[in-house]
Amino acid sequence: MEGENSKYIILPEYITKDRNLTDKEKSIYSMILSLSKNQECIMSNSYISSMLNISKVHSSRLISSLRDKGYINAVSYTHLRAHETGAYL
């Protein structure tokens, strides 16, 4: 662990206690909070899947679930190299 990049996300208490979210949804929501800083947060499904050790399809479903539950507004962008999701809180 020594010498590794020491990036981290903060999981706010209100998210931790939210029974409407799965653990993976809580992780993604916290990632969005930490990366957004009052602006749009753009992450590829590849990035999410690699960070959480899940498939790209699963990460896409989790983003859709957060959107459907009203936690984020998600917009899809398709680029030549990756499919990315922009999330607004």
C-alpha atoms as a PDB file:
ATOM      1  CA  MET A   1       0.000   0.000   0.000  1.00  0.00           C
ATOM      2  CA  GLU A   2       2.922   2.306   0.622  1.00  0.00           C
ATOM      3  CA  GLY A   3       3.774   4.448  -2.368  1.00  0.00           C
ATOM      4  CA  GLU A   4       0.340   4.025  -3.942  1.00  0.00           C
ATOM      5  CA  ASN A   5      -1.715   7.023  -4.937  1.00  0.00           C
ATOM      6  CA  SER A   6      -3.655   8.078  -1.862  1.00  0.00           C
ATOM      7  CA  LYS A   7      -6.905   9.222  -3.457  1.00  0.00           C
ATOM      8  CA  TYR A   8     -10.045   8.727  -1.416  1.00  0.00           C
ATOM      9  CA  ILE A   9     -13.716   9.582  -1.322  1.00  0.00           C
ATOM     10  CA  ILE A  10     -15.755  10.725   1.631  1.00  0.00           C
ATOM     11  CA  LEU A  11     -18.995   8.943   2.402  1.00  0.00           C
ATOM     12  CA  PRO A  12     -21.208  11.520   4.156  1.00  0.00           C
ATOM     13  CA  GLU A  13     -23.328  10.275   7.039  1.00  0.00           C
ATOM     14  CA  TYR A  14     -26.611  11.057   5.286  1.00  0.00           C
ATOM     15  CA  ILE A  15     -25.577   8.756   2.430  1.00  0.00           C
ATOM     16  CA  THR A  16     -24.381   6.053   4.814  1.00  0.00           C
ATOM     17  CA  LYS A  17     -27.782   6.018   6.535  1.00  0.00           C
ATOM     18  CA  ASP A  18     -29.835   6.163   3.320  1.00  0.00           C
ATOM     19  CA  ARG A  19     -31.676   2.839   3.047  1.00  0.00           C
ATOM     20  CA  ASN A  20     -32.791   3.603  -0.520  1.00  0.00           C
ATOM     21  CA  LEU A  21     -29.258   3.114  -1.850  1.00  0.00           C
ATOM     22  CA  THR A  22     -27.212  -0.042  -2.261  1.00  0.00           C
ATOM     23  CA  ASP A  23     -23.580  -0.029  -1.130  1.00  0.00           C
ATOM     24  CA  LYS A  24     -22.387   0.297  -4.741  1.00  0.00           C
ATOM     25  CA  GLU A  25     -24.791   3.189  -5.364  1.00  0.00           C
ATOM     26  CA  LYS A  26     -23.473   4.893  -2.234  1.00  0.00           C
ATOM     27  CA  SER A  27     -19.933   4.493  -3.525  1.00  0.00           C
ATOM     28  CA  ILE A  28     -20.758   5.935  -6.941  1.00  0.00           C
ATOM     29  CA  TYR A  29     -22.751   8.807  -5.426  1.00  0.00           C
ATOM     30  CA  SER A  30     -19.804   9.621  -3.144  1.00  0.00           C
ATOM     31  CA  MET A  31     -17.440   9.502  -6.129  1.00  0.00           C
ATOM     32  CA  ILE A  32     -19.700  11.970  -7.934  1.00  0.00           C
ATOM     33  CA  LEU A  33     -19.824  14.246  -4.874  1.00  0.00           C
ATOM     34  CA  SER A  34     -16.051  14.300  -4.558  1.00  0.00           C
ATOM     35  CA  LEU A  35     -15.431  14.899  -8.267  1.00  0.00           C
ATOM     36  CA  SER A  36     -18.197  17.405  -8.972  1.00  0.00           C
ATOM     37  CA  LYS A  37     -17.309  20.338  -6.706  1.00  0.00           C
ATOM     38  CA  ASN A  38     -20.490  22.216  -7.770  1.00  0.00           C
ATOM     39  CA  GLN A  39     -20.049  21.417 -11.442  1.00  0.00           C
ATOM     40  CA  GLU A  40     -20.753  18.584 -13.821  1.00  0.00           C
ATOM     41  CA  CYS A  41     -18.926  15.367 -13.040  1.00  0.00           C
ATOM     42  CA  ILE A  42     -17.943  13.267 -16.052  1.00  0.00           C
ATOM     43  CA  MET A  43     -16.832   9.672 -15.488  1.00  0.00           C
ATOM     44  CA  SER A  44     -16.674   6.843 -17.953  1.00  0.00           C
ATOM     45  CA  ASN A  45     -18.390   3.573 -17.181  1.00  0.00           C
ATOM     46  CA  SER A  46     -14.914   2.034 -17.554  1.00  0.00           C
ATOM     47  CA  TYR A  47     -13.598   4.241 -14.757  1.00  0.00           C
ATOM     48  CA  ILE A  48     -16.502   3.412 -12.457  1.00  0.00           C
ATOM     49  CA  SER A  49     -16.249  -0.297 -13.200  1.00  0.00           C
ATOM     50  CA  SER A  50     -12.500  -0.374 -12.577  1.00  0.00           C
ATOM     51  CA  MET A  51     -12.797   1.583  -9.315  1.00  0.00           C
ATOM     52  CA  LEU A  52     -15.561  -0.666  -7.956  1.00  0.00           C
ATOM     53  CA  ASN A  53     -14.457  -3.904  -9.599  1.00  0.00           C
ATOM     54  CA  ILE A  54     -17.762  -4.366 -11.439  1.00  0.00           C
ATOM     55  CA  SER A  55     -18.736  -4.728 -15.104  1.00  0.00           C
ATOM     56  CA  LYS A  56     -19.429  -1.714 -17.328  1.00  0.00           C
ATOM     57  CA  VAL A  57     -23.015  -2.917 -17.724  1.00  0.00           C
ATOM     58  CA  HIS A  58     -23.434  -3.009 -13.928  1.00  0.00           C
ATOM     59  CA  SER A  59     -21.988   0.493 -13.558  1.00  0.00           C
ATOM     60  CA  SER A  60     -24.417   1.757 -16.208  1.00  0.00           C
ATOM     61  CA  ARG A  61     -27.341   0.170 -14.357  1.00  0.00           C
ATOM     62  CA  LEU A  62     -26.236   1.732 -11.070  1.00  0.00           C
ATOM     63  CA  ILE A  63     -26.014   5.194 -12.663  1.00  0.00           C
ATOM     64  CA  SER A  64     -29.487   4.678 -14.147  1.00  0.00           C
ATOM     65  CA  SER A  65     -30.786   3.611 -10.738  1.00  0.00           C
ATOM     66  CA  LEU A  66     -29.362   6.745  -9.071  1.00  0.00           C
ATOM     67  CA  ARG A  67     -30.994   8.844 -11.793  1.00  0.00           C
ATOM     68  CA  ASP A  68     -34.336   7.025 -11.486  1.00  0.00           C
ATOM     69  CA  LYS A  69     -34.301   7.477  -7.692  1.00  0.00           C
ATOM     70  CA  GLY A  70     -33.736  11.222  -8.151  1.00  0.00           C
ATOM     71  CA  TYR A  71     -30.230  11.439  -6.675  1.00  0.00           C
ATOM     72  CA  ILE A  72     -28.543  12.613  -9.871  1.00  0.00           C
ATOM     73  CA  ASN A  73     -29.360  13.965 -13.289  1.00  0.00           C
ATOM     74  CA  ALA A  74     -27.358  11.866 -15.709  1.00  0.00           C
ATOM     75  CA  VAL A  75     -26.539  12.698 -19.296  1.00  0.00           C
ATOM     76  CA  SER A  76     -24.808  10.257 -21.616  1.00  0.00           C
ATOM     77  CA  TYR A  77     -21.998  11.280 -23.917  1.00  0.00           C
ATOM     78  CA  THR A  78     -20.617   9.022 -26.604  1.00  0.00           C
ATOM     79  CA  HIS A  79     -17.073   9.634 -27.757  1.00  0.00           C
ATOM     80  CA  LEU A  80     -14.882   7.646 -30.081  1.00  0.00           C
ATOM     81  CA  ARG A  81     -13.041   5.942 -27.244  1.00  0.00           C
ATOM     82  CA  ALA A  82     -15.463   5.694 -24.329  1.00  0.00           C
ATOM     83  CA  HIS A  83     -19.021   6.057 -23.194  1.00  0.00           C
ATOM     84  CA  GLU A  84     -19.145   8.614 -20.427  1.00  0.00           C
ATOM     85  CA  THR A  85     -21.804   9.708 -18.024  1.00  0.00           C
ATOM     86  CA  GLY A  86     -22.131  13.275 -16.834  1.00  0.00           C
ATOM     87  CA  ALA A  87     -23.870  13.598 -13.516  1.00  0.00           C
ATOM     88  CA  TYR A  88     -25.377  16.652 -11.902  1.00  0.00           C
ATOM     89  CA  LEU A  89     -26.396  16.663  -8.262  1.00  0.00           C
END
